[in-house]
């Protein structure tokens, strides 16, 4: 047995895995740019808050653009993570975020 199952060949599962991988990579880059350790104790709550914001905003993005994929998910998640970091007094310079003002507006609306 080679360890593969029907999930390995499901295109939607493969896409979901790529999206999450892109989000993880975006998170690592953001934290590195902010010089925040992956082991910072505040990150558990930050990640939970970012996930809630992402869960509120991602369906809106998909409704507006059914072709949204890895890059859009990563960009949106970065804005969600930045908003959550700001709630813990970790300042995020706008230069490290994607330039998509629509994502910023969606996240701000979802956070309020």
PDB file of N, CA and C in Angstrom:
ATOM      1  N   UNK A   1       0.844  -1.183   0.000  1.00  0.00           N
ATOM      2  CA  UNK A   1       0.000   0.000   0.000  1.00  0.00           C
ATOM      3  C   UNK A   1       0.888   1.245   0.000  1.00  0.00           C
ATOM      4  N   UNK A   2       0.569   2.197  -0.862  1.00  0.00           N
ATOM      5  CA  UNK A   2       1.418   3.361  -1.026  1.00  0.00           C
ATOM      6  C   UNK A   2       1.011   4.549  -0.153  1.00  0.00           C
ATOM      7  N   UNK A   3       0.007   4.429   0.698  1.00  0.00           N
ATOM      8  CA  UNK A   3      -0.387   5.507   1.587  1.00  0.00           C
ATOM      9  C   UNK A   3      -1.310   6.531   0.955  1.00  0.00           C
ATOM     10  N   UNK A   4      -1.650   6.370  -0.286  1.00  0.00           N
ATOM     11  CA  UNK A   4      -2.547   7.307  -0.951  1.00  0.00           C
ATOM     12  C   UNK A   4      -3.982   6.820  -0.776  1.00  0.00           C
ATOM     13  N   UNK A   5      -4.904   7.733  -0.747  1.00  0.00           N
ATOM     14  CA  UNK A   5      -6.310   7.381  -0.690  1.00  0.00           C
ATOM     15  C   UNK A   5      -7.071   8.249  -1.693  1.00  0.00           C
ATOM     16  N   UNK A   6      -8.388   8.153  -1.665  1.00  0.00           N
ATOM     17  CA  UNK A   6      -9.181   8.897  -2.647  1.00  0.00           C
ATOM     18  C   UNK A   6      -9.039  10.408  -2.466  1.00  0.00           C
ATOM     19  N   UNK A   7      -8.661  10.870  -1.267  1.00  0.00           N
ATOM     20  CA  UNK A   7      -8.477  12.300  -1.031  1.00  0.00           C
ATOM     21  C   UNK A   7      -7.292  12.847  -1.825  1.00  0.00           C
ATOM     22  N   UNK A   8      -6.284  12.026  -2.017  1.00  0.00           N
ATOM     23  CA  UNK A   8      -5.094  12.478  -2.737  1.00  0.00           C
ATOM     24  C   UNK A   8      -5.386  12.860  -4.182  1.00  0.00           C
ATOM     25  N   UNK A   9      -6.403  12.264  -4.758  1.00  0.00           N
ATOM     26  CA  UNK A   9      -6.694  12.533  -6.166  1.00  0.00           C
ATOM     27  C   UNK A   9      -7.879  13.482  -6.364  1.00  0.00           C
ATOM     28  N   UNK A  10      -8.503  13.913  -5.277  1.00  0.00           N
ATOM     29  CA  UNK A  10      -9.649  14.822  -5.366  1.00  0.00           C
ATOM     30  C   UNK A  10      -9.145  16.242  -5.652  1.00  0.00           C
ATOM     31  N   UNK A  11      -9.512  16.815  -6.801  1.00  0.00           N
ATOM     32  CA  UNK A  11      -9.013  18.151  -7.164  1.00  0.00           C
ATOM     33  C   UNK A  11      -9.376  19.232  -6.146  1.00  0.00           C
ATOM     34  N   UNK A  12     -10.551  19.160  -5.550  1.00  0.00           N
ATOM     35  CA  UNK A  12     -10.933  20.190  -4.581  1.00  0.00           C
ATOM     36  C   UNK A  12     -10.095  20.087  -3.312  1.00  0.00           C
ATOM     37  N   UNK A  13      -9.742  18.867  -2.916  1.00  0.00           N
ATOM     38  CA  UNK A  13      -8.877  18.676  -1.753  1.00  0.00           C
ATOM     39  C   UNK A  13      -7.469  19.173  -2.059  1.00  0.00           C
ATOM     40  N   UNK A  14      -6.992  18.874  -3.255  1.00  0.00           N
ATOM     41  CA  UNK A  14      -5.668  19.349  -3.656  1.00  0.00           C
ATOM     42  C   UNK A  14      -5.614  20.879  -3.656  1.00  0.00           C
ATOM     43  N   UNK A  15      -6.659  21.522  -4.165  1.00  0.00           N
ATOM     44  CA  UNK A  15      -6.707  22.982  -4.199  1.00  0.00           C
ATOM     45  C   UNK A  15      -6.766  23.543  -2.775  1.00  0.00           C
ATOM     46  N   UNK A  16      -7.556  22.938  -1.931  1.00  0.00           N
ATOM     47  CA  UNK A  16      -7.655  23.393  -0.540  1.00  0.00           C
ATOM     48  C   UNK A  16      -6.306  23.292   0.152  1.00  0.00           C
ATOM     49  N   UNK A  17      -5.595  22.212  -0.086  1.00  0.00           N
ATOM     50  CA  UNK A  17      -4.265  22.055   0.504  1.00  0.00           C
ATOM     51  C   UNK A  17      -3.305  23.131  -0.006  1.00  0.00           C
ATOM     52  N   UNK A  18      -3.381  23.461  -1.285  1.00  0.00           N
ATOM     53  CA  UNK A  18      -2.521  24.504  -1.842  1.00  0.00           C
ATOM     54  C   UNK A  18      -2.876  25.878  -1.260  1.00  0.00           C
ATOM     55  N   UNK A  19      -4.173  26.117  -1.087  1.00  0.00           N
ATOM     56  CA  UNK A  19      -4.618  27.391  -0.503  1.00  0.00           C
ATOM     57  C   UNK A  19      -4.076  27.521   0.919  1.00  0.00           C
ATOM     58  N   UNK A  20      -4.242  26.476   1.736  1.00  0.00           N
ATOM     59  CA  UNK A  20      -3.744  26.532   3.116  1.00  0.00           C
ATOM     60  C   UNK A  20      -2.226  26.660   3.155  1.00  0.00           C
ATOM     61  N   UNK A  21      -1.548  26.005   2.256  1.00  0.00           N
ATOM     62  CA  UNK A  21      -0.093  26.119   2.184  1.00  0.00           C
ATOM     63  C   UNK A  21       0.315  27.551   1.856  1.00  0.00           C
ATOM     64  N   UNK A  22      -0.398  28.174   0.930  1.00  0.00           N
ATOM     65  CA  UNK A  22      -0.132  29.568   0.585  1.00  0.00           C
ATOM     66  C   UNK A  22      -0.389  30.505   1.753  1.00  0.00           C
ATOM     67  N   UNK A  23      -1.431  30.224   2.517  1.00  0.00           N
ATOM     68  CA  UNK A  23      -1.741  31.031   3.694  1.00  0.00           C
ATOM     69  C   UNK A  23      -0.648  30.876   4.755  1.00  0.00           C
ATOM     70  N   UNK A  24      -0.178  29.659   4.948  1.00  0.00           N
ATOM     71  CA  UNK A  24       0.899  29.420   5.916  1.00  0.00           C
ATOM     72  C   UNK A  24       2.173  30.152   5.498  1.00  0.00           C
ATOM     73  N   UNK A  25       2.483  30.114   4.227  1.00  0.00           N
ATOM     74  CA  UNK A  25       3.668  30.799   3.723  1.00  0.00           C
ATOM     75  C   UNK A  25       3.541  32.310   3.920  1.00  0.00           C
ATOM     76  N   UNK A  26       2.350  32.847   3.647  1.00  0.00           N
ATOM     77  CA  UNK A  26       2.126  34.282   3.832  1.00  0.00           C
ATOM     78  C   UNK A  26       2.268  34.661   5.304  1.00  0.00           C
ATOM     79  N   UNK A  27       1.782  33.801   6.179  1.00  0.00           N
ATOM     80  CA  UNK A  27       1.906  34.055   7.617  1.00  0.00           C
ATOM     81  C   UNK A  27       3.370  34.079   8.038  1.00  0.00           C
ATOM     82  N   UNK A  28       4.138  33.116   7.579  1.00  0.00           N
ATOM     83  CA  UNK A  28       5.561  33.063   7.917  1.00  0.00           C
ATOM     84  C   UNK A  28       6.288  34.317   7.447  1.00  0.00           C
ATOM     85  N   UNK A  29       5.990  34.755   6.228  1.00  0.00           N
ATOM     86  CA  UNK A  29       6.638  35.948   5.682  1.00  0.00           C
ATOM     87  C   UNK A  29       6.268  37.191   6.492  1.00  0.00           C
ATOM     88  N   UNK A  30       4.997  37.312   6.860  1.00  0.00           N
ATOM     89  CA  UNK A  30       4.557  38.471   7.628  1.00  0.00           C
ATOM     90  C   UNK A  30       5.233  38.495   8.996  1.00  0.00           C
ATOM     91  N   UNK A  31       5.220  37.373   9.687  1.00  0.00           N
ATOM     92  CA  UNK A  31       5.836  37.323  11.013  1.00  0.00           C
ATOM     93  C   UNK A  31       7.344  37.592  10.942  1.00  0.00           C
ATOM     94  N   UNK A  32       7.970  37.080   9.902  1.00  0.00           N
ATOM     95  CA  UNK A  32       9.406  37.328   9.713  1.00  0.00           C
ATOM     96  C   UNK A  32       9.661  38.815   9.477  1.00  0.00           C
ATOM     97  N   UNK A  33       8.844  39.439   8.634  1.00  0.00           N
ATOM     98  CA  UNK A  33       9.010  40.862   8.342  1.00  0.00           C
ATOM     99  C   UNK A  33       8.791  41.714   9.593  1.00  0.00           C
ATOM    100  N   UNK A  34       7.920  41.241  10.484  1.00  0.00           N
ATOM    101  CA  UNK A  34       7.641  41.978  11.717  1.00  0.00           C
ATOM    102  C   UNK A  34       8.588  41.592  12.850  1.00  0.00           C
ATOM    103  N   UNK A  35       9.458  40.626  12.568  1.00  0.00           N
ATOM    104  CA  UNK A  35      10.394  40.105  13.564  1.00  0.00           C
ATOM    105  C   UNK A  35       9.660  39.571  14.801  1.00  0.00           C
ATOM    106  N   UNK A  36       8.587  38.817  14.537  1.00  0.00           N
ATOM    107  CA  UNK A  36       7.821  38.171  15.598  1.00  0.00           C
ATOM    108  C   UNK A  36       8.123  36.681  15.526  1.00  0.00           C
ATOM    109  N   UNK A  37       8.511  36.107  16.644  1.00  0.00           N
ATOM    110  CA  UNK A  37       8.843  34.687  16.696  1.00  0.00           C
ATOM    111  C   UNK A  37       7.604  33.827  16.456  1.00  0.00           C
ATOM    112  N   UNK A  38       7.798  32.721  15.762  1.00  0.00           N
ATOM    113  CA  UNK A  38       6.712  31.754  15.557  1.00  0.00           C
ATOM    114  C   UNK A  38       6.219  31.198  16.887  1.00  0.00           C
ATOM    115  N   UNK A  39       7.025  31.347  17.941  1.00  0.00           N
ATOM    116  CA  UNK A  39       6.701  30.783  19.257  1.00  0.00           C
ATOM    117  C   UNK A  39       6.177  31.832  20.238  1.00  0.00           C
ATOM    118  N   UNK A  40       5.921  33.036  19.741  1.00  0.00           N
ATOM    119  CA  UNK A  40       5.376  34.096  20.589  1.00  0.00           C
ATOM    120  C   UNK A  40       4.044  33.624  21.168  1.00  0.00           C
ATOM    121  N   UNK A  41       3.889  33.743  22.469  1.00  0.00           N
ATOM    122  CA  UNK A  41       2.689  33.243  23.151  1.00  0.00           C
ATOM    123  C   UNK A  41       1.409  33.937  22.692  1.00  0.00           C
ATOM    124  N   UNK A  42       1.526  35.136  22.191  1.00  0.00           N
ATOM    125  CA  UNK A  42       0.335  35.865  21.742  1.00  0.00           C
ATOM    126  C   UNK A  42      -0.251  35.305  20.448  1.00  0.00           C
ATOM    127  N   UNK A  43       0.538  34.525  19.724  1.00  0.00           N
ATOM    128  CA  UNK A  43       0.107  34.087  18.392  1.00  0.00           C
ATOM    129  C   UNK A  43      -1.068  33.127  18.408  1.00  0.00           C
ATOM    130  N   UNK A  44      -1.252  32.374  19.464  1.00  0.00           N
ATOM    131  CA  UNK A  44      -2.401  31.466  19.491  1.00  0.00           C
ATOM    132  C   UNK A  44      -3.707  32.247  19.353  1.00  0.00           C
ATOM    133  N   UNK A  45      -3.858  33.277  20.171  1.00  0.00           N
ATOM    134  CA  UNK A  45      -5.078  34.096  20.092  1.00  0.00           C
ATOM    135  C   UNK A  45      -5.137  34.880  18.789  1.00  0.00           C
ATOM    136  N   UNK A  46      -3.985  35.334  18.326  1.00  0.00           N
ATOM    137  CA  UNK A  46      -3.925  36.080  17.068  1.00  0.00           C
ATOM    138  C   UNK A  46      -4.390  35.192  15.920  1.00  0.00           C
ATOM    139  N   UNK A  47      -3.883  33.972  15.880  1.00  0.00           N
ATOM    140  CA  UNK A  47      -4.274  33.051  14.799  1.00  0.00           C
ATOM    141  C   UNK A  47      -5.759  32.713  14.859  1.00  0.00           C
ATOM    142  N   UNK A  48      -6.284  32.549  16.065  1.00  0.00           N
ATOM    143  CA  UNK A  48      -7.719  32.265  16.208  1.00  0.00           C
ATOM    144  C   UNK A  48      -8.554  33.438  15.699  1.00  0.00           C
ATOM    145  N   UNK A  49      -8.151  34.650  16.079  1.00  0.00           N
ATOM    146  CA  UNK A  49      -8.875  35.838  15.618  1.00  0.00           C
ATOM    147  C   UNK A  49      -8.762  36.000  14.109  1.00  0.00           C
ATOM    148  N   UNK A  50      -7.580  35.734  13.563  1.00  0.00           N
ATOM    149  CA  UNK A  50      -7.382  35.835  12.111  1.00  0.00           C
ATOM    150  C   UNK A  50      -8.245  34.821  11.379  1.00  0.00           C
ATOM    151  N   UNK A  51      -8.359  33.616  11.931  1.00  0.00           N
ATOM    152  CA  UNK A  51      -9.193  32.587  11.303  1.00  0.00           C
ATOM    153  C   UNK A  51     -10.654  33.015  11.282  1.00  0.00           C
ATOM    154  N   UNK A  52     -11.127  33.595  12.384  1.00  0.00           N
ATOM    155  CA  UNK A  52     -12.513  34.063  12.438  1.00  0.00           C
ATOM    156  C   UNK A  52     -12.747  35.140  11.376  1.00  0.00           C
ATOM    157  N   UNK A  53     -11.822  36.081  11.284  1.00  0.00           N
ATOM    158  CA  UNK A  53     -11.949  37.133  10.268  1.00  0.00           C
ATOM    159  C   UNK A  53     -11.910  36.552   8.861  1.00  0.00           C
ATOM    160  N   UNK A  54     -11.018  35.602   8.643  1.00  0.00           N
ATOM    161  CA  UNK A  54     -10.914  34.974   7.323  1.00  0.00           C
ATOM    162  C   UNK A  54     -12.209  34.233   6.988  1.00  0.00           C
ATOM    163  N   UNK A  55     -12.742  33.504   7.958  1.00  0.00           N
ATOM    164  CA  UNK A  55     -13.985  32.761   7.734  1.00  0.00           C
ATOM    165  C   UNK A  55     -15.155  33.679   7.406  1.00  0.00           C
ATOM    166  N   UNK A  56     -15.129  34.902   7.916  1.00  0.00           N
ATOM    167  CA  UNK A  56     -16.188  35.868   7.618  1.00  0.00           C
ATOM    168  C   UNK A  56     -16.018  36.517   6.252  1.00  0.00           C
ATOM    169  N   UNK A  57     -14.774  36.680   5.821  1.00  0.00           N
ATOM    170  CA  UNK A  57     -14.522  37.454   4.605  1.00  0.00           C
ATOM    171  C   UNK A  57     -14.276  36.616   3.353  1.00  0.00           C
ATOM    172  N   UNK A  58     -13.725  35.436   3.490  1.00  0.00           N
ATOM    173  CA  UNK A  58     -13.408  34.610   2.319  1.00  0.00           C
ATOM    174  C   UNK A  58     -14.646  34.292   1.478  1.00  0.00           C
ATOM    175  N   UNK A  59     -15.793  33.947   2.084  1.00  0.00           N
ATOM    176  CA  UNK A  59     -16.979  33.691   1.248  1.00  0.00           C
ATOM    177  C   UNK A  59     -17.392  34.911   0.422  1.00  0.00           C
ATOM    178  N   UNK A  60     -17.167  36.106   0.944  1.00  0.00           N
ATOM    179  CA  UNK A  60     -17.496  37.325   0.195  1.00  0.00           C
ATOM    180  C   UNK A  60     -16.585  37.440  -1.020  1.00  0.00           C
ATOM    181  N   UNK A  61     -15.305  37.176  -0.818  1.00  0.00           N
ATOM    182  CA  UNK A  61     -14.347  37.231  -1.924  1.00  0.00           C
ATOM    183  C   UNK A  61     -14.731  36.213  -2.992  1.00  0.00           C
ATOM    184  N   UNK A  62     -15.054  35.002  -2.565  1.00  0.00           N
ATOM    185  CA  UNK A  62     -15.441  33.957  -3.531  1.00  0.00           C
ATOM    186  C   UNK A  62     -16.719  34.311  -4.280  1.00  0.00           C
ATOM    187  N   UNK A  63     -17.640  34.959  -3.602  1.00  0.00           N
ATOM    188  CA  UNK A  63     -18.896  35.359  -4.252  1.00  0.00           C
ATOM    189  C   UNK A  63     -18.623  36.417  -5.321  1.00  0.00           C
ATOM    190  N   UNK A  64     -17.676  37.306  -5.031  1.00  0.00           N
ATOM    191  CA  UNK A  64     -17.331  38.366  -5.976  1.00  0.00           C
ATOM    192  C   UNK A  64     -16.467  37.859  -7.125  1.00  0.00           C
ATOM    193  N   UNK A  65     -15.621  36.872  -6.819  1.00  0.00           N
ATOM    194  CA  UNK A  65     -14.680  36.363  -7.822  1.00  0.00           C
ATOM    195  C   UNK A  65     -14.536  34.854  -7.645  1.00  0.00           C
ATOM    196  N   UNK A  66     -15.319  34.104  -8.410  1.00  0.00           N
ATOM    197  CA  UNK A  66     -15.313  32.648  -8.250  1.00  0.00           C
ATOM    198  C   UNK A  66     -13.981  32.025  -8.643  1.00  0.00           C
ATOM    199  N   UNK A  67     -13.122  32.793  -9.292  1.00  0.00           N
ATOM    200  CA  UNK A  67     -11.817  32.261  -9.675  1.00  0.00           C
ATOM    201  C   UNK A  67     -10.737  32.550  -8.629  1.00  0.00           C
ATOM    202  N   UNK A  68     -11.132  33.168  -7.505  1.00  0.00           N
ATOM    203  CA  UNK A  68     -10.161  33.477  -6.453  1.00  0.00           C
ATOM    204  C   UNK A  68      -9.486  32.192  -5.999  1.00  0.00           C
ATOM    205  N   UNK A  69      -8.189  32.282  -5.774  1.00  0.00           N
ATOM    206  CA  UNK A  69      -7.432  31.087  -5.407  1.00  0.00           C
ATOM    207  C   UNK A  69      -6.367  31.361  -4.378  1.00  0.00           C
ATOM    208  N   UNK A  70      -5.238  30.728  -4.575  1.00  0.00           N
ATOM    209  CA  UNK A  70      -4.157  30.741  -3.594  1.00  0.00           C
ATOM    210  C   UNK A  70      -3.682  32.157  -3.282  1.00  0.00           C
ATOM    211  N   UNK A  71      -3.400  32.944  -4.288  1.00  0.00           N
ATOM    212  CA  UNK A  71      -2.873  34.294  -4.062  1.00  0.00           C
ATOM    213  C   UNK A  71      -3.871  35.178  -3.331  1.00  0.00           C
ATOM    214  N   UNK A  72      -5.125  35.081  -3.702  1.00  0.00           N
ATOM    215  CA  UNK A  72      -6.153  35.886  -3.049  1.00  0.00           C
ATOM    216  C   UNK A  72      -6.349  35.441  -1.601  1.00  0.00           C
ATOM    217  N   UNK A  73      -6.372  34.139  -1.368  1.00  0.00           N
ATOM    218  CA  UNK A  73      -6.529  33.626  -0.003  1.00  0.00           C
ATOM    219  C   UNK A  73      -5.368  34.067   0.873  1.00  0.00           C
ATOM    220  N   UNK A  74      -4.160  33.968   0.344  1.00  0.00           N
ATOM    221  CA  UNK A  74      -2.977  34.372   1.109  1.00  0.00           C
ATOM    222  C   UNK A  74      -2.999  35.868   1.395  1.00  0.00           C
ATOM    223  N   UNK A  75      -3.363  36.657   0.397  1.00  0.00           N
ATOM    224  CA  UNK A  75      -3.437  38.108   0.593  1.00  0.00           C
ATOM    225  C   UNK A  75      -4.484  38.496   1.617  1.00  0.00           C
ATOM    226  N   UNK A  76      -5.657  37.891   1.520  1.00  0.00           N
ATOM    227  CA  UNK A  76      -6.727  38.175   2.477  1.00  0.00           C
ATOM    228  C   UNK A  76      -6.320  37.727   3.875  1.00  0.00           C
ATOM    229  N   UNK A  77      -5.749  36.530   3.984  1.00  0.00           N
ATOM    230  CA  UNK A  77      -5.345  36.033   5.295  1.00  0.00           C
ATOM    231  C   UNK A  77      -4.285  36.937   5.922  1.00  0.00           C
ATOM    232  N   UNK A  78      -3.388  37.473   5.118  1.00  0.00           N
ATOM    233  CA  UNK A  78      -2.375  38.386   5.636  1.00  0.00           C
ATOM    234  C   UNK A  78      -3.034  39.617   6.255  1.00  0.00           C
ATOM    235  N   UNK A  79      -4.064  40.138   5.604  1.00  0.00           N
ATOM    236  CA  UNK A  79      -4.797  41.277   6.163  1.00  0.00           C
ATOM    237  C   UNK A  79      -5.514  40.879   7.451  1.00  0.00           C
ATOM    238  N   UNK A  80      -6.086  39.685   7.484  1.00  0.00           N
ATOM    239  CA  UNK A  80      -6.750  39.196   8.696  1.00  0.00           C
ATOM    240  C   UNK A  80      -5.748  39.058   9.838  1.00  0.00           C
ATOM    241  N   UNK A  81      -4.605  38.491   9.531  1.00  0.00           N
ATOM    242  CA  UNK A  81      -3.564  38.300  10.533  1.00  0.00           C
ATOM    243  C   UNK A  81      -3.041  39.650  11.024  1.00  0.00           C
ATOM    244  N   UNK A  82      -2.849  40.588  10.125  1.00  0.00           N
ATOM    245  CA  UNK A  82      -2.378  41.921  10.516  1.00  0.00           C
ATOM    246  C   UNK A  82      -3.376  42.603  11.444  1.00  0.00           C
ATOM    247  N   UNK A  83      -4.652  42.473  11.145  1.00  0.00           N
ATOM    248  CA  UNK A  83      -5.697  43.070  11.995  1.00  0.00           C
ATOM    249  C   UNK A  83      -5.684  42.418  13.363  1.00  0.00           C
ATOM    250  N   UNK A  84      -5.544  41.111  13.411  1.00  0.00           N
ATOM    251  CA  UNK A  84      -5.505  40.398  14.681  1.00  0.00           C
ATOM    252  C   UNK A  84      -4.244  40.769  15.473  1.00  0.00           C
ATOM    253  N   UNK A  85      -3.117  40.921  14.793  1.00  0.00           N
ATOM    254  CA  UNK A  85      -1.883  41.335  15.455  1.00  0.00           C
ATOM    255  C   UNK A  85      -2.038  42.730  16.049  1.00  0.00           C
ATOM    256  N   UNK A  86      -2.692  43.618  15.330  1.00  0.00           N
ATOM    257  CA  UNK A  86      -2.895  44.979  15.821  1.00  0.00           C
ATOM    258  C   UNK A  86      -3.726  44.984  17.107  1.00  0.00           C
ATOM    259  N   UNK A  87      -4.617  44.023  17.251  1.00  0.00           N
ATOM    260  CA  UNK A  87      -5.423  43.937  18.467  1.00  0.00           C
ATOM    261  C   UNK A  87      -4.589  43.525  19.680  1.00  0.00           C
ATOM    262  N   UNK A  88      -3.387  43.008  19.447  1.00  0.00           N
ATOM    263  CA  UNK A  88      -2.486  42.642  20.542  1.00  0.00           C
ATOM    264  C   UNK A  88      -1.328  43.624  20.628  1.00  0.00           C
ATOM    265  N   UNK A  89      -1.514  44.783  20.037  1.00  0.00           N
ATOM    266  CA  UNK A  89      -0.521  45.862  20.070  1.00  0.00           C
ATOM    267  C   UNK A  89       0.767  45.536  19.330  1.00  0.00           C
ATOM    268  N   UNK A  90       0.716  44.626  18.377  1.00  0.00           N
ATOM    269  CA  UNK A  90       1.851  44.393  17.490  1.00  0.00           C
ATOM    270  C   UNK A  90       1.571  45.207  16.238  1.00  0.00           C
ATOM    271  N   UNK A  91       2.340  46.254  16.056  1.00  0.00           N
ATOM    272  CA  UNK A  91       2.110  47.175  14.945  1.00  0.00           C
ATOM    273  C   UNK A  91       2.548  46.553  13.623  1.00  0.00           C
ATOM    274  N   UNK A  92       1.693  46.682  12.636  1.00  0.00           N
ATOM    275  CA  UNK A  92       1.978  46.134  11.314  1.00  0.00           C
ATOM    276  C   UNK A  92       2.102  47.288  10.334  1.00  0.00           C
ATOM    277  N   UNK A  93       3.269  47.407   9.742  1.00  0.00           N
ATOM    278  CA  UNK A  93       3.526  48.420   8.733  1.00  0.00           C
ATOM    279  C   UNK A  93       2.777  48.029   7.455  1.00  0.00           C
ATOM    280  N   UNK A  94       2.065  48.957   6.868  1.00  0.00           N
ATOM    281  CA  UNK A  94       1.295  48.681   5.661  1.00  0.00           C
ATOM    282  C   UNK A  94       2.118  48.195   4.487  1.00  0.00           C
ATOM    283  N   UNK A  95       3.434  48.426   4.526  1.00  0.00           N
ATOM    284  CA  UNK A  95       4.298  48.006   3.429  1.00  0.00           C
ATOM    285  C   UNK A  95       4.411  46.487   3.306  1.00  0.00           C
ATOM    286  N   UNK A  96       4.121  45.763   4.385  1.00  0.00           N
ATOM    287  CA  UNK A  96       4.259  44.304   4.344  1.00  0.00           C
ATOM    288  C   UNK A  96       2.963  43.611   3.915  1.00  0.00           C
ATOM    289  N   UNK A  97       1.912  44.391   3.714  1.00  0.00           N
ATOM    290  CA  UNK A  97       0.626  43.825   3.302  1.00  0.00           C
ATOM    291  C   UNK A  97       0.429  43.969   1.801  1.00  0.00           C
ATOM    292  N   UNK A  98      -0.465  43.133   1.266  1.00  0.00           N
ATOM    293  CA  UNK A  98      -0.808  43.286  -0.143  1.00  0.00           C
ATOM    294  C   UNK A  98      -1.476  44.645  -0.326  1.00  0.00           C
ATOM    295  N   UNK A  99      -1.409  45.154  -1.494  1.00  0.00           N
ATOM    296  CA  UNK A  99      -1.941  46.488  -1.776  1.00  0.00           C
ATOM    297  C   UNK A  99      -3.433  46.462  -2.097  1.00  0.00           C
ATOM    298  N   UNK A 100      -4.098  45.377  -1.797  1.00  0.00           N
ATOM    299  CA  UNK A 100      -5.507  45.235  -2.100  1.00  0.00           C
ATOM    300  C   UNK A 100      -6.351  45.933  -1.028  1.00  0.00           C
ATOM    301  N   UNK A 101      -6.784  47.161  -1.334  1.00  0.00           N
ATOM    302  CA  UNK A 101      -7.587  47.925  -0.382  1.00  0.00           C
ATOM    303  C   UNK A 101      -8.928  47.271  -0.108  1.00  0.00           C
ATOM    304  N   UNK A 102      -9.426  46.524  -1.076  1.00  0.00           N
ATOM    305  CA  UNK A 102     -10.707  45.837  -0.877  1.00  0.00           C
ATOM    306  C   UNK A 102     -10.591  44.815   0.260  1.00  0.00           C
ATOM    307  N   UNK A 103      -9.481  44.080   0.298  1.00  0.00           N
ATOM    308  CA  UNK A 103      -9.267  43.123   1.388  1.00  0.00           C
ATOM    309  C   UNK A 103      -9.226  43.854   2.727  1.00  0.00           C
ATOM    310  N   UNK A 104      -8.514  44.962   2.754  1.00  0.00           N
ATOM    311  CA  UNK A 104      -8.412  45.741   3.992  1.00  0.00           C
ATOM    312  C   UNK A 104      -9.798  46.180   4.442  1.00  0.00           C
ATOM    313  N   UNK A 105     -10.605  46.674   3.517  1.00  0.00           N
ATOM    314  CA  UNK A 105     -11.959  47.131   3.856  1.00  0.00           C
ATOM    315  C   UNK A 105     -12.836  45.987   4.358  1.00  0.00           C
ATOM    316  N   UNK A 106     -12.756  44.831   3.690  1.00  0.00           N
ATOM    317  CA  UNK A 106     -13.532  43.664   4.129  1.00  0.00           C
ATOM    318  C   UNK A 106     -13.169  43.253   5.539  1.00  0.00           C
ATOM    319  N   UNK A 107     -11.882  43.206   5.829  1.00  0.00           N
ATOM    320  CA  UNK A 107     -11.414  42.781   7.147  1.00  0.00           C
ATOM    321  C   UNK A 107     -11.831  43.787   8.211  1.00  0.00           C
ATOM    322  N   UNK A 108     -11.692  45.062   7.915  1.00  0.00           N
ATOM    323  CA  UNK A 108     -12.098  46.088   8.885  1.00  0.00           C
ATOM    324  C   UNK A 108     -13.585  45.986   9.185  1.00  0.00           C
ATOM    325  N   UNK A 109     -14.373  45.763   8.147  1.00  0.00           N
ATOM    326  CA  UNK A 109     -15.827  45.629   8.335  1.00  0.00           C
ATOM    327  C   UNK A 109     -16.150  44.388   9.158  1.00  0.00           C
ATOM    328  N   UNK A 110     -15.474  43.279   8.876  1.00  0.00           N
ATOM    329  CA  UNK A 110     -15.715  42.036   9.616  1.00  0.00           C
ATOM    330  C   UNK A 110     -15.259  42.141  11.064  1.00  0.00           C
ATOM    331  N   UNK A 111     -14.253  42.962  11.325  1.00  0.00           N
ATOM    332  CA  UNK A 111     -13.718  43.102  12.684  1.00  0.00           C
ATOM    333  C   UNK A 111     -14.590  44.000  13.555  1.00  0.00           C
ATOM    334  N   UNK A 112     -15.413  44.812  12.931  1.00  0.00           N
ATOM    335  CA  UNK A 112     -16.222  45.738  13.730  1.00  0.00           C
ATOM    336  C   UNK A 112     -17.553  45.162  14.145  1.00  0.00           C
TER     337      UNK A 112
END
